[in-house]
Amino acid sequence: MKNVLVTGGAGYIGSHTCVELLNSGYNVISIDNYSNSVPESINRVNKITGKKIISFNCDVRDKDRLFEIFSKYDIYCVIHFAALKAVGESVKDPLSYYDNNIFGIINLLEVMKKFNVKKMIFSSSATVYGDNKVPYLEDMNTGNVTNPYGRTKYFSEQILSDLYYSDKDWRILLLRYFNPIGAHESGMIGEDPNGIPNNIMPFISRVAIGRLPKLTIFGNDYDTPDGTCIRDYIHVVDLALGHVKAIGKIDDSKSGVLDCFNLGTGKGNSVLELVNTFERVNNCKVNYEIGNRRSGDVASCYANVEKAKRDLGWETKYDLERMCKDTWRFQLNNPNGYKN
């Protein structure tokens, strides 16, 4: 069986992707520095699948540690999730984002090159499109990014592109995520960030269960039907399955490849729609207030996903109601998160 190295494997998207990789017959080696995750998520992935992840407490900026891991295991492909990922936080602390996200990927690629591991699936983001015309298409110009987080993803894409054109033996797929929410149907793994959540869905669920007093919706004066931002919310399991399809695409490539794909539903929902849907399907109350706009946000962001359907054979299965139900199941099963 092929060994897939997953950086950030204990994180929200990483843990769900590990489940789908194990279920698809891959061996999984996870590295994570647990800055925004906990080892318990790895334990639960093992329980869900009945298989075992090989896991290491390792920062991708630690080259010596990476050398040890690559020396010990025959790595087939790397899925690179490990990164800081909050728009608002990146505006307040850009240097941390450039240090972690840019230095981290350069360090990782140098080690991969040393060991002749030239297959990478990169966790990118719809933020690379900036304030563009929706729906976003893969061939749109990128780089007009509105926040430091998005710029780290844009710069990382450029680094990977330059690497490919310097050596076309590389097989690199850039997966541009939209807004992952939801949780595994078992209720055992989900989004459980340390401290106050930066993403909206864990904030909503923590307000609903009483861990936080209220949600602040950043702005209701955007040029959208209800004034709140529109986003393309995608179930995290659908997103995880996109990575399995991406490895299949790399397998099928007879030579080097560099390509990018949007992973979203192709449909936008407003923040208020998300809150109202969560309340309705889960029969609960989410206290919220309207605040000022947040620096770095765009009014509307959703994907054109035809390329992923055509070239990866991938499309989403779960709707917004299912995303809300699965999130609430995880929250009810884990009222204090993984600390339970």
Protein backbone atom coordinates (compact mmCIF):
# COMPACT_ATOMS: atom_id res chain seq x y z
CA MET A 1 0.00 0.00 0.00
CA LYS A 2 1.16 3.54 -0.76
CA ASN A 3 2.31 5.82 2.05
CA VAL A 4 0.68 9.26 1.99
CA LEU A 5 2.21 11.92 4.22
CA VAL A 6 -0.42 14.34 5.53
CA THR A 7 0.88 17.53 7.10
CA GLY A 8 -1.59 18.96 9.60
CA GLY A 9 -3.19 15.52 9.78
CA ALA A 10 -4.73 16.12 13.21
CA GLY A 11 -6.51 19.29 12.09
CA TYR A 12 -10.10 19.71 10.98
CA ILE A 13 -9.74 19.02 7.26
CA GLY A 14 -6.68 16.85 7.78
CA SER A 15 -8.39 14.40 10.15
CA HIS A 16 -11.39 13.93 7.86
CA THR A 17 -9.07 13.41 4.90
CA CYS A 18 -7.12 10.81 6.88
CA VAL A 19 -10.37 8.88 7.40
CA GLU A 20 -11.10 8.82 3.67
CA LEU A 21 -7.51 7.91 2.77
CA LEU A 22 -7.50 4.99 5.21
CA ASN A 23 -10.89 3.84 3.96
CA SER A 24 -9.50 3.97 0.40
CA GLY A 25 -6.58 1.68 1.22
CA TYR A 26 -3.71 4.11 1.73
CA ASN A 27 -1.26 4.08 4.62
CA VAL A 28 -1.30 7.47 6.34
CA ILE A 29 1.61 9.19 8.05
CA SER A 30 0.52 12.35 9.85
CA ILE A 31 2.70 15.19 11.06
CA ASP A 32 1.25 18.00 13.14
CA ASN A 33 2.61 20.52 15.64
CA TYR A 34 -0.81 20.62 17.41
CA SER A 35 -0.88 24.42 17.44
CA ASN A 36 -4.58 24.30 16.54
CA SER A 37 -5.38 20.62 17.02
CA VAL A 38 -4.96 17.77 19.51
CA PRO A 39 -3.64 14.19 19.29
CA GLU A 40 -7.08 12.90 20.33
CA SER A 41 -8.38 13.55 16.81
CA ILE A 42 -5.85 11.02 15.50
CA ASN A 43 -7.03 8.48 18.09
CA ARG A 44 -10.58 8.96 16.92
CA VAL A 45 -9.68 8.56 13.26
CA ASN A 46 -8.14 5.23 14.22
CA LYS A 47 -11.38 4.22 16.00
CA ILE A 48 -13.59 5.28 13.09
CA THR A 49 -11.60 3.36 10.51
CA GLY A 50 -10.31 0.42 12.56
CA LYS A 51 -6.88 1.25 11.16
CA LYS A 52 -3.88 3.08 12.55
CA ILE A 53 -2.26 6.34 11.48
CA ILE A 54 1.48 6.69 12.00
CA SER A 55 1.67 10.09 13.66
CA PHE A 56 4.45 12.47 14.64
CA ASN A 57 4.54 15.68 16.63
CA CYS A 58 6.45 17.70 14.04
CA ASP A 59 6.44 21.22 12.65
CA VAL A 60 7.00 21.49 8.89
CA ARG A 61 9.58 24.18 9.63
CA ASP A 62 11.72 21.59 11.44
CA LYS A 63 13.89 20.29 8.58
CA ASP A 64 15.90 17.85 10.71
CA ARG A 65 12.72 16.15 11.93
CA LEU A 66 11.34 15.97 8.39
CA PHE A 67 14.58 14.33 7.26
CA GLU A 68 14.15 11.65 9.92
CA ILE A 69 10.59 10.88 8.79
CA PHE A 70 11.40 10.82 5.07
CA SER A 71 14.42 8.62 5.80
CA LYS A 72 12.30 6.09 7.67
CA TYR A 73 9.31 5.85 5.31
CA ASP A 74 8.95 5.48 1.56
CA ILE A 75 6.61 8.41 0.92
CA TYR A 76 4.51 8.23 -2.26
CA CYS A 77 2.68 11.56 -2.07
CA VAL A 78 2.34 14.53 0.28
CA ILE A 79 -0.93 16.31 1.09
CA HIS A 80 0.02 19.64 2.60
CA PHE A 81 -2.57 21.08 5.00
CA ALA A 82 -0.30 22.48 7.73
CA ALA A 83 -0.85 26.24 7.81
CA LEU A 84 -2.40 29.04 9.80
CA LYS A 85 -5.77 29.76 8.24
CA ALA A 86 -7.78 32.65 9.71
CA VAL A 87 -8.36 35.77 7.62
CA GLY A 88 -8.93 38.14 10.54
CA GLU A 89 -5.97 36.84 12.51
CA SER A 90 -3.72 37.18 9.47
CA VAL A 91 -4.59 40.86 9.20
CA LYS A 92 -3.59 41.38 12.84
CA ASP A 93 -0.47 39.20 12.77
CA PRO A 94 0.82 38.88 9.19
CA LEU A 95 4.40 37.96 10.12
CA SER A 96 3.28 34.76 11.83
CA TYR A 97 1.37 33.79 8.69
CA TYR A 98 4.31 34.40 6.38
CA ASP A 99 6.68 32.55 8.71
CA ASN A 100 4.44 29.51 9.15
CA ASN A 101 2.82 29.23 5.73
CA ILE A 102 5.62 30.34 3.38
CA PHE A 103 8.71 29.13 5.22
CA GLY A 104 6.86 25.92 6.03
CA ILE A 105 6.12 24.97 2.43
CA ILE A 106 9.62 25.89 1.22
CA ASN A 107 11.15 23.74 3.94
CA LEU A 108 8.86 20.82 3.10
CA LEU A 109 9.55 21.04 -0.63
CA GLU A 110 13.30 21.08 -0.07
CA VAL A 111 13.06 17.82 1.87
CA MET A 112 10.72 16.28 -0.70
CA LYS A 113 13.17 17.20 -3.46
CA LYS A 114 16.06 15.68 -1.51
CA PHE A 115 14.20 12.35 -1.26
CA ASN A 116 12.83 12.53 -4.82
CA VAL A 117 9.22 12.67 -3.62
CA LYS A 118 7.69 14.80 -6.37
CA LYS A 119 3.97 14.41 -5.83
CA MET A 120 2.07 17.06 -3.85
CA ILE A 121 -1.55 17.98 -3.29
CA PHE A 122 -1.63 21.50 -1.91
CA SER A 123 -4.34 22.88 0.33
CA SER A 124 -5.04 26.23 -1.30
CA SER A 125 -7.99 28.57 -0.92
CA ALA A 126 -10.61 30.55 -2.79
CA THR A 127 -9.04 33.64 -1.23
CA VAL A 128 -6.45 33.60 -4.06
CA TYR A 129 -9.18 34.98 -6.35
CA GLY A 130 -9.47 38.15 -4.27
CA ASP A 131 -12.47 40.38 -4.95
CA ASN A 132 -13.32 38.84 -8.33
CA LYS A 133 -16.44 38.20 -10.34
CA VAL A 134 -18.45 35.19 -9.13
CA PRO A 135 -18.60 32.33 -9.73
CA TYR A 136 -14.84 31.86 -9.53
CA LEU A 137 -13.22 29.94 -12.38
CA GLU A 138 -9.80 28.29 -12.19
CA ASP A 139 -8.45 30.29 -15.15
CA MET A 140 -9.24 33.67 -13.56
CA ASN A 141 -6.37 35.94 -12.66
CA THR A 142 -5.25 35.46 -9.08
CA GLY A 143 -3.11 37.63 -6.85
CA ASN A 144 -5.47 40.52 -6.22
CA VAL A 145 -5.83 39.13 -2.71
CA THR A 146 -7.44 41.12 0.09
CA ASN A 147 -5.67 39.69 3.17
CA PRO A 148 -2.31 38.19 4.28
CA TYR A 149 -3.73 34.67 4.67
CA GLY A 150 -4.83 34.69 1.05
CA ARG A 151 -1.46 36.06 -0.03
CA THR A 152 0.34 33.16 1.66
CA LYS A 153 -1.81 30.78 -0.40
CA TYR A 154 -1.20 32.78 -3.57
CA PHE A 155 2.56 32.92 -2.97
CA SER A 156 2.60 29.19 -2.21
CA GLU A 157 0.85 28.49 -5.51
CA GLN A 158 3.49 30.60 -7.29
CA ILE A 159 6.30 28.72 -5.54
CA LEU A 160 4.81 25.40 -6.63
CA SER A 161 4.31 26.68 -10.17
CA ASP A 162 7.92 27.85 -10.43
CA LEU A 163 9.10 24.52 -9.03
CA TYR A 164 7.12 22.61 -11.64
CA TYR A 165 8.47 24.68 -14.53
CA SER A 166 12.01 24.12 -13.23
CA ASP A 167 11.47 20.35 -13.14
CA LYS A 168 8.48 18.89 -14.95
CA ASP A 169 8.78 15.54 -13.19
CA TRP A 170 6.73 17.09 -10.37
CA ARG A 171 3.04 16.24 -10.14
CA ILE A 172 1.30 19.06 -8.30
CA LEU A 173 -2.41 19.67 -7.80
CA LEU A 174 -3.63 22.90 -6.21
CA LEU A 175 -7.01 22.43 -4.54
CA ARG A 176 -8.76 25.73 -3.91
CA TYR A 177 -11.17 25.26 -1.03
CA PHE A 178 -14.21 27.35 -0.42
CA ASN A 179 -15.78 27.21 3.08
CA PRO A 180 -15.62 23.77 4.72
CA ILE A 181 -18.09 23.09 7.52
CA GLY A 182 -19.82 20.02 8.95
CA ALA A 183 -18.36 16.95 10.67
CA HIS A 184 -18.05 13.20 10.30
CA GLU A 185 -21.38 11.41 10.57
CA SER A 186 -20.09 9.43 13.58
CA GLY A 187 -19.98 12.62 15.64
CA MET A 188 -16.47 11.64 16.72
CA ILE A 189 -14.41 14.18 14.74
CA GLY A 190 -15.25 17.73 13.77
CA GLU A 191 -14.00 21.29 13.95
CA ASP A 192 -12.68 22.07 17.43
CA PRO A 193 -10.28 25.02 17.26
CA ASN A 194 -8.26 26.09 20.27
CA GLY A 195 -9.54 29.23 21.98
CA ILE A 196 -12.16 31.48 20.34
CA PRO A 197 -13.03 30.12 16.89
CA ASN A 198 -12.00 32.13 13.84
CA ASN A 199 -14.34 30.19 11.53
CA ILE A 200 -18.06 30.74 11.63
CA MET A 201 -19.47 27.23 12.09
CA PRO A 202 -17.72 26.24 15.33
CA PHE A 203 -18.63 29.70 16.62
CA ILE A 204 -22.30 29.08 15.79
CA SER A 205 -22.33 25.67 17.46
CA ARG A 206 -20.58 26.92 20.59
CA VAL A 207 -23.10 29.74 20.91
CA ALA A 208 -25.95 27.27 20.43
CA ILE A 209 -24.66 24.97 23.18
CA GLY A 210 -23.91 27.87 25.54
CA ARG A 211 -20.12 27.91 25.51
CA LEU A 212 -20.12 31.40 23.95
CA PRO A 213 -22.69 34.16 24.57
CA LYS A 214 -23.35 35.33 21.01
CA LEU A 215 -22.16 35.36 17.42
CA THR A 216 -21.11 38.59 15.73
CA ILE A 217 -22.01 38.79 12.05
CA PHE A 218 -19.49 41.08 10.41
CA GLY A 219 -21.56 43.51 8.37
CA ASN A 220 -25.08 43.51 6.94
CA ASP A 221 -24.58 46.24 4.37
CA TYR A 222 -22.93 44.25 1.59
CA ASP A 223 -24.41 44.17 -1.91
CA THR A 224 -26.13 40.83 -1.32
CA PRO A 225 -29.82 39.90 -0.93
CA ASP A 226 -29.82 40.15 2.89
CA GLY A 227 -26.72 42.34 3.29
CA THR A 228 -24.53 39.62 4.80
CA CYS A 229 -21.58 37.95 3.06
CA ILE A 230 -22.24 35.04 0.71
CA ARG A 231 -20.00 32.00 0.86
CA ASP A 232 -19.82 28.58 -0.75
CA TYR A 233 -20.17 26.19 2.21
CA ILE A 234 -18.94 22.66 1.51
CA HIS A 235 -19.21 19.59 3.73
CA VAL A 236 -15.78 18.64 5.06
CA VAL A 237 -16.32 14.99 4.07
CA ASP A 238 -17.01 16.02 0.47
CA LEU A 239 -13.82 18.07 0.62
CA ALA A 240 -11.86 15.14 2.04
CA LEU A 241 -13.07 12.88 -0.76
CA GLY A 242 -11.79 15.45 -3.24
CA HIS A 243 -8.27 14.68 -2.02
CA VAL A 244 -8.71 10.97 -2.65
CA LYS A 245 -9.82 11.82 -6.20
CA ALA A 246 -6.79 14.10 -6.53
CA ILE A 247 -4.42 11.24 -5.69
CA GLY A 248 -6.19 9.22 -8.38
CA LYS A 249 -5.52 12.04 -10.83
CA ILE A 250 -1.83 11.99 -9.91
CA ASP A 251 -1.79 8.19 -10.30
CA ASP A 252 -3.28 8.50 -13.79
CA SER A 253 -0.77 11.14 -14.91
CA LYS A 254 1.91 9.47 -17.02
CA SER A 255 4.19 12.48 -16.69
CA GLY A 256 4.51 15.67 -14.64
CA VAL A 257 1.44 17.79 -14.08
CA LEU A 258 0.51 21.15 -12.57
CA ASP A 259 -3.19 21.87 -12.29
CA CYS A 260 -5.71 23.60 -10.02
CA PHE A 261 -9.27 22.76 -9.04
CA ASN A 262 -12.05 24.52 -7.16
CA LEU A 263 -13.59 22.40 -4.41
CA GLY A 264 -16.96 23.86 -3.51
CA THR A 265 -20.65 23.22 -4.13
CA GLY A 266 -21.05 25.87 -6.80
CA LYS A 267 -23.75 27.55 -4.72
CA GLY A 268 -23.56 30.52 -2.38
CA ASN A 269 -25.42 30.97 0.91
CA SER A 270 -25.40 34.07 3.07
CA VAL A 271 -24.23 34.11 6.67
CA LEU A 272 -27.79 34.72 7.81
CA GLU A 273 -29.02 31.78 5.73
CA LEU A 274 -26.44 29.60 7.45
CA VAL A 275 -27.50 30.74 10.93
CA ASN A 276 -31.21 30.35 10.14
CA THR A 277 -30.69 26.88 8.66
CA PHE A 278 -28.69 25.77 11.69
CA GLU A 279 -31.47 26.94 14.04
CA ARG A 280 -34.22 25.31 11.98
CA VAL A 281 -32.77 21.85 11.37
CA ASN A 282 -31.38 21.50 14.89
CA ASN A 283 -34.27 23.14 16.73
CA CYS A 284 -31.98 25.43 18.69
CA LYS A 285 -31.29 29.13 19.15
CA VAL A 286 -28.21 31.04 18.01
CA ASN A 287 -27.91 34.46 19.60
CA TYR A 288 -26.26 36.92 17.25
CA GLU A 289 -25.61 40.59 16.72
CA ILE A 290 -24.63 42.61 13.68
CA GLY A 291 -21.16 44.13 13.89
CA ASN A 292 -18.94 46.16 11.60
CA ARG A 293 -17.43 44.71 8.48
CA ARG A 294 -14.27 42.68 9.00
CA SER A 295 -11.11 43.77 7.22
CA GLY A 296 -10.18 41.46 4.36
CA ASP A 297 -13.68 40.07 3.66
CA VAL A 298 -15.28 40.12 0.21
CA ALA A 299 -19.03 40.36 -0.30
CA SER A 300 -19.56 37.19 -2.32
CA CYS A 301 -17.50 34.09 -2.98
CA TYR A 302 -18.62 30.86 -4.62
CA ALA A 303 -17.20 28.39 -7.09
CA ASN A 304 -17.66 27.14 -10.58
CA VAL A 305 -16.97 23.43 -10.03
CA GLU A 306 -17.34 22.02 -13.53
CA LYS A 307 -13.61 21.38 -13.93
CA ALA A 308 -13.44 19.20 -10.81
CA LYS A 309 -16.50 17.25 -11.95
CA ARG A 310 -15.02 16.72 -15.40
CA ASP A 311 -11.34 16.08 -14.66
CA LEU A 312 -11.42 14.58 -11.14
CA GLY A 313 -14.77 12.81 -11.34
CA TRP A 314 -15.68 14.55 -8.09
CA GLU A 315 -18.81 16.35 -6.94
CA THR A 316 -20.43 17.12 -3.62
CA LYS A 317 -23.14 14.96 -2.05
CA TYR A 318 -24.18 16.86 1.08
CA ASP A 319 -26.39 19.95 1.32
CA LEU A 320 -26.40 22.81 3.82
CA GLU A 321 -28.94 21.10 6.10
CA ARG A 322 -26.71 18.02 6.37
CA MET A 323 -23.70 20.21 7.14
CA CYS A 324 -25.60 21.87 9.99
CA LYS A 325 -26.93 18.57 11.38
CA ASP A 326 -23.51 16.92 11.38
CA THR A 327 -21.92 19.95 13.05
CA TRP A 328 -24.51 19.90 15.83
CA ARG A 329 -24.12 16.15 16.36
CA PHE A 330 -20.38 16.59 16.90
CA GLN A 331 -21.01 19.52 19.26
CA LEU A 332 -23.60 17.62 21.32
CA ASN A 333 -21.36 14.56 21.55
CA ASN A 334 -18.41 16.75 22.51
CA PRO A 335 -19.78 19.73 24.46
CA ASN A 336 -16.25 20.71 25.48
CA GLY A 337 -14.62 19.55 22.26
CA TYR A 338 -11.90 16.93 22.27
CA LYS A 339 -11.20 17.76 25.92
CA ASN A 340 -13.96 15.25 26.74
